[in-house]
Amino acid sequence: MRKDDESGGEQGSAETRIEALEKSRKLDRLLLFGLAGVLACTLLGGLTLSLLGSSEKAGEGAGSVVPAQALNVEKQLASLQAQLTQQNQERAAQQESELNGMFRATEEPNSASQVARTLVGQEQGFQAVVKHLKLAMRDLAAMLPGSRSWLDQYSEALNLELTASQARASQIKLWAAGRVAEAPNPAAPK
């Protein structure tokens, strides 16, 4: 049960991380749009006040101050947009590095040999079960008169399975050694 929890936890953990990154990205976007909206409202309000003030002071020469203020606000807006773009790029790079870190290969060099030992052990266990099954069927056939014909067929089928298991065990050993050989499967139908 612990292995199931760990494998489900790792998968769930990766999915949870990705969802958290997407949510934080969405929050960043919303904040940036909000900031841009506030800046646009401020800019429009400032321009409106400037235009209203300039119309009142048109005779006093205040018209030359309004374009200077508009240029100043435009420069500030351009500066803020550049900062926003830079922050977006930095955030994207950070998220990319986090994702690369999550999906980095963690395979150990000796894991292939551990897997091979496990698989060879399973094949040897299977071979032992089949051998014991053959012995038990031979003993059963000795108890029943006239049962030689089915015992021969049954033994032949078990011999094929033993041969196939032995071939699989040798292929696993070759795989662990790094020399994969494509040998025909003796139990495969012809």
Protein backbone atom coordinates (compact mmCIF):
# COMPACT_ATOMS: atom_id res chain seq x y z
CA MET A 1 0.00 0.00 0.00
CA ARG A 2 2.90 2.32 0.71
CA LYS A 3 4.21 1.95 -2.86
CA ASP A 4 0.78 2.83 -4.25
CA ASP A 5 0.67 5.94 -2.03
CA GLU A 6 4.14 6.98 -3.14
CA SER A 7 3.51 6.49 -6.85
CA GLY A 8 0.15 8.23 -6.65
CA GLY A 9 1.71 10.96 -4.51
CA GLU A 10 4.47 11.60 -7.01
CA GLN A 11 2.03 11.85 -9.88
CA GLY A 12 -0.39 13.91 -7.84
CA SER A 13 2.48 16.02 -6.61
CA ALA A 14 3.63 16.80 -10.15
CA GLU A 15 0.09 17.63 -11.20
CA THR A 16 -0.36 19.75 -8.08
CA ARG A 17 2.86 21.62 -8.81
CA ILE A 18 1.85 22.31 -12.38
CA GLU A 19 -1.59 23.53 -11.27
CA ALA A 20 0.03 25.77 -8.65
CA LEU A 21 2.36 27.23 -11.27
CA GLU A 22 -0.54 27.86 -13.62
CA LYS A 23 -2.55 29.51 -10.84
CA SER A 24 0.38 31.73 -9.87
CA ARG A 25 0.85 32.63 -13.54
CA LYS A 26 -2.84 33.52 -13.79
CA LEU A 27 -2.61 35.63 -10.63
CA ASP A 28 0.44 37.44 -12.01
CA ARG A 29 -1.42 38.15 -15.24
CA LEU A 30 -4.43 39.50 -13.38
CA LEU A 31 -2.23 41.73 -11.24
CA LEU A 32 -0.43 43.04 -14.29
CA PHE A 33 -3.69 43.77 -16.10
CA GLY A 34 -4.97 45.51 -12.97
CA LEU A 35 -1.82 47.61 -12.77
CA ALA A 36 -2.10 48.49 -16.46
CA GLY A 37 -5.76 49.45 -15.93
CA VAL A 38 -4.90 51.67 -12.97
CA LEU A 39 -2.12 53.31 -14.97
CA ALA A 40 -4.42 53.86 -17.94
CA CYS A 41 -7.10 55.40 -15.68
CA THR A 42 -4.49 57.60 -14.04
CA LEU A 43 -3.18 58.66 -17.41
CA LEU A 44 -6.65 59.43 -18.74
CA GLY A 45 -7.57 61.30 -15.55
CA GLY A 46 -4.38 63.32 -15.70
CA LEU A 47 -4.89 64.13 -19.34
CA THR A 48 -8.51 65.12 -18.69
CA LEU A 49 -7.52 67.39 -15.80
CA SER A 50 -4.73 68.85 -17.88
CA LEU A 51 -7.05 69.56 -20.77
CA LEU A 52 -9.67 71.12 -18.49
CA GLY A 53 -7.02 73.20 -16.73
CA SER A 54 -5.48 74.27 -20.01
CA SER A 55 -8.80 75.45 -21.39
CA GLU A 56 -9.26 77.64 -18.31
CA LYS A 57 -5.71 78.96 -18.53
CA ALA A 58 -5.52 79.20 -22.31
CA GLY A 59 -4.84 82.91 -22.08
CA GLU A 60 -2.03 82.42 -19.54
CA GLY A 61 0.16 80.15 -21.73
CA ALA A 62 -0.53 76.89 -19.81
CA GLY A 63 -0.98 75.05 -23.12
CA SER A 64 2.75 74.39 -23.36
CA VAL A 65 2.77 72.68 -19.93
CA VAL A 66 0.12 70.08 -20.93
CA PRO A 67 2.17 68.47 -23.73
CA ALA A 68 5.17 68.31 -21.38
CA GLN A 69 3.06 66.54 -18.74
CA ALA A 70 1.61 64.19 -21.36
CA LEU A 71 5.11 63.33 -22.56
CA ASN A 72 6.18 62.71 -18.97
CA VAL A 73 3.20 60.40 -18.35
CA GLU A 74 3.83 58.60 -21.65
CA LYS A 75 7.48 58.05 -20.69
CA GLN A 76 6.40 56.67 -17.32
CA LEU A 77 3.87 54.40 -19.01
CA ALA A 78 6.49 53.15 -21.47
CA SER A 79 8.88 52.53 -18.57
CA LEU A 80 6.24 50.58 -16.65
CA GLN A 81 5.37 48.53 -19.73
CA ALA A 82 9.04 47.69 -20.23
CA GLN A 83 9.27 46.60 -16.58
CA LEU A 84 6.13 44.53 -16.99
CA THR A 85 7.55 42.80 -20.07
CA GLN A 86 10.84 42.13 -18.28
CA GLN A 87 9.03 40.67 -15.25
CA ASN A 88 6.95 38.44 -17.52
CA GLN A 89 10.09 37.14 -19.20
CA GLU A 90 11.81 36.52 -15.86
CA ARG A 91 8.74 34.71 -14.51
CA ALA A 92 8.52 32.56 -17.64
CA ALA A 93 12.21 31.64 -17.33
CA GLN A 94 11.75 30.83 -13.65
CA GLN A 95 8.75 28.60 -14.37
CA GLU A 96 10.65 26.84 -17.13
CA SER A 97 13.56 26.11 -14.81
CA GLU A 98 11.15 24.86 -12.12
CA LEU A 99 9.46 22.53 -14.60
CA ASN A 100 12.80 21.27 -15.89
CA GLY A 101 13.83 20.59 -12.30
CA MET A 102 10.63 18.63 -11.64
CA PHE A 103 11.02 16.41 -14.67
CA ARG A 104 14.76 15.80 -14.42
CA ALA A 105 15.76 12.17 -14.85
CA THR A 106 16.40 10.54 -11.49
CA GLU A 107 17.40 7.10 -12.65
CA GLU A 108 20.37 5.66 -10.84
CA PRO A 109 23.08 3.91 -12.84
CA ASN A 110 22.62 0.58 -11.10
CA SER A 111 18.82 0.54 -11.35
CA ALA A 112 18.93 -1.59 -14.54
CA SER A 113 20.88 -4.28 -12.73
CA GLN A 114 18.45 -4.15 -9.80
CA VAL A 115 15.48 -4.53 -12.15
CA ALA A 116 17.25 -7.37 -13.96
CA ARG A 117 17.93 -9.20 -10.68
CA THR A 118 14.28 -8.85 -9.71
CA LEU A 119 13.03 -10.09 -13.08
CA VAL A 120 15.46 -13.03 -13.13
CA GLY A 121 14.33 -13.94 -9.60
CA GLN A 122 10.70 -13.89 -10.76
CA GLU A 123 11.52 -16.10 -13.73
CA GLN A 124 13.35 -18.56 -11.47
CA GLY A 125 10.36 -18.61 -9.12
CA PHE A 126 8.07 -19.28 -12.08
CA GLN A 127 10.34 -22.13 -13.23
CA ALA A 128 10.27 -23.68 -9.74
CA VAL A 129 6.46 -23.54 -9.66
CA VAL A 130 6.20 -25.19 -13.08
CA LYS A 131 8.63 -27.95 -12.05
CA HIS A 132 6.63 -28.64 -8.88
CA LEU A 133 3.44 -28.66 -10.92
CA LYS A 134 4.92 -31.24 -13.29
CA LEU A 135 5.89 -33.45 -10.34
CA ALA A 136 2.44 -33.14 -8.80
CA MET A 137 0.74 -34.05 -12.09
CA ARG A 138 3.04 -37.05 -12.51
CA ASP A 139 2.09 -38.23 -9.02
CA LEU A 140 -1.59 -37.69 -9.82
CA ALA A 141 -1.23 -39.61 -13.09
CA ALA A 142 0.35 -42.51 -11.18
CA MET A 143 -2.78 -42.67 -9.01
CA LEU A 144 -5.20 -42.73 -11.97
CA PRO A 145 -5.13 -45.68 -14.37
CA GLY A 146 -4.95 -44.90 -18.10
CA SER A 147 -3.93 -41.25 -17.66
CA ARG A 148 -0.65 -41.32 -19.56
CA SER A 149 -1.97 -39.59 -22.68
CA TRP A 150 -3.05 -36.38 -20.94
CA LEU A 151 0.08 -36.37 -18.78
CA ASP A 152 2.27 -36.38 -21.90
CA GLN A 153 0.33 -33.45 -23.40
CA TYR A 154 0.37 -31.58 -20.13
CA SER A 155 4.10 -32.15 -19.64
CA GLU A 156 4.79 -30.98 -23.19
CA ALA A 157 2.93 -27.70 -22.55
CA LEU A 158 4.78 -27.17 -19.26
CA ASN A 159 8.12 -27.91 -20.95
CA LEU A 160 7.39 -25.18 -23.50
CA GLU A 161 6.67 -22.71 -20.68
CA LEU A 162 9.90 -23.72 -18.87
CA THR A 163 11.92 -23.22 -22.05
CA ALA A 164 10.31 -19.81 -22.65
CA SER A 165 11.00 -18.77 -19.06
CA GLN A 166 14.63 -19.81 -19.31
CA ALA A 167 14.98 -17.84 -22.57
CA ARG A 168 13.43 -14.77 -20.92
CA ALA A 169 15.83 -15.07 -17.98
CA SER A 170 18.83 -15.21 -20.31
CA GLN A 171 17.54 -12.20 -22.29
CA ILE A 172 17.13 -10.25 -19.07
CA LYS A 173 20.71 -11.06 -18.09
CA LEU A 174 21.91 -9.88 -21.52
CA TRP A 175 19.84 -6.70 -21.17
CA ALA A 176 21.37 -5.98 -17.77
CA ALA A 177 24.83 -6.44 -19.25
CA GLY A 178 23.96 -3.99 -22.02
CA ARG A 179 23.94 -6.56 -24.81
CA VAL A 180 20.37 -6.90 -25.95
CA ALA A 181 20.02 -9.82 -28.32
CA GLU A 182 16.88 -10.39 -30.30
CA ALA A 183 16.33 -14.08 -29.85
CA PRO A 184 13.15 -15.78 -31.05
CA ASN A 185 10.64 -16.62 -28.35
CA PRO A 186 10.44 -20.44 -28.12
CA ALA A 187 6.89 -20.28 -26.72
CA ALA A 188 5.67 -18.05 -29.55
CA PRO A 189 3.19 -19.68 -31.94
CA LYS A 190 4.65 -20.72 -35.25
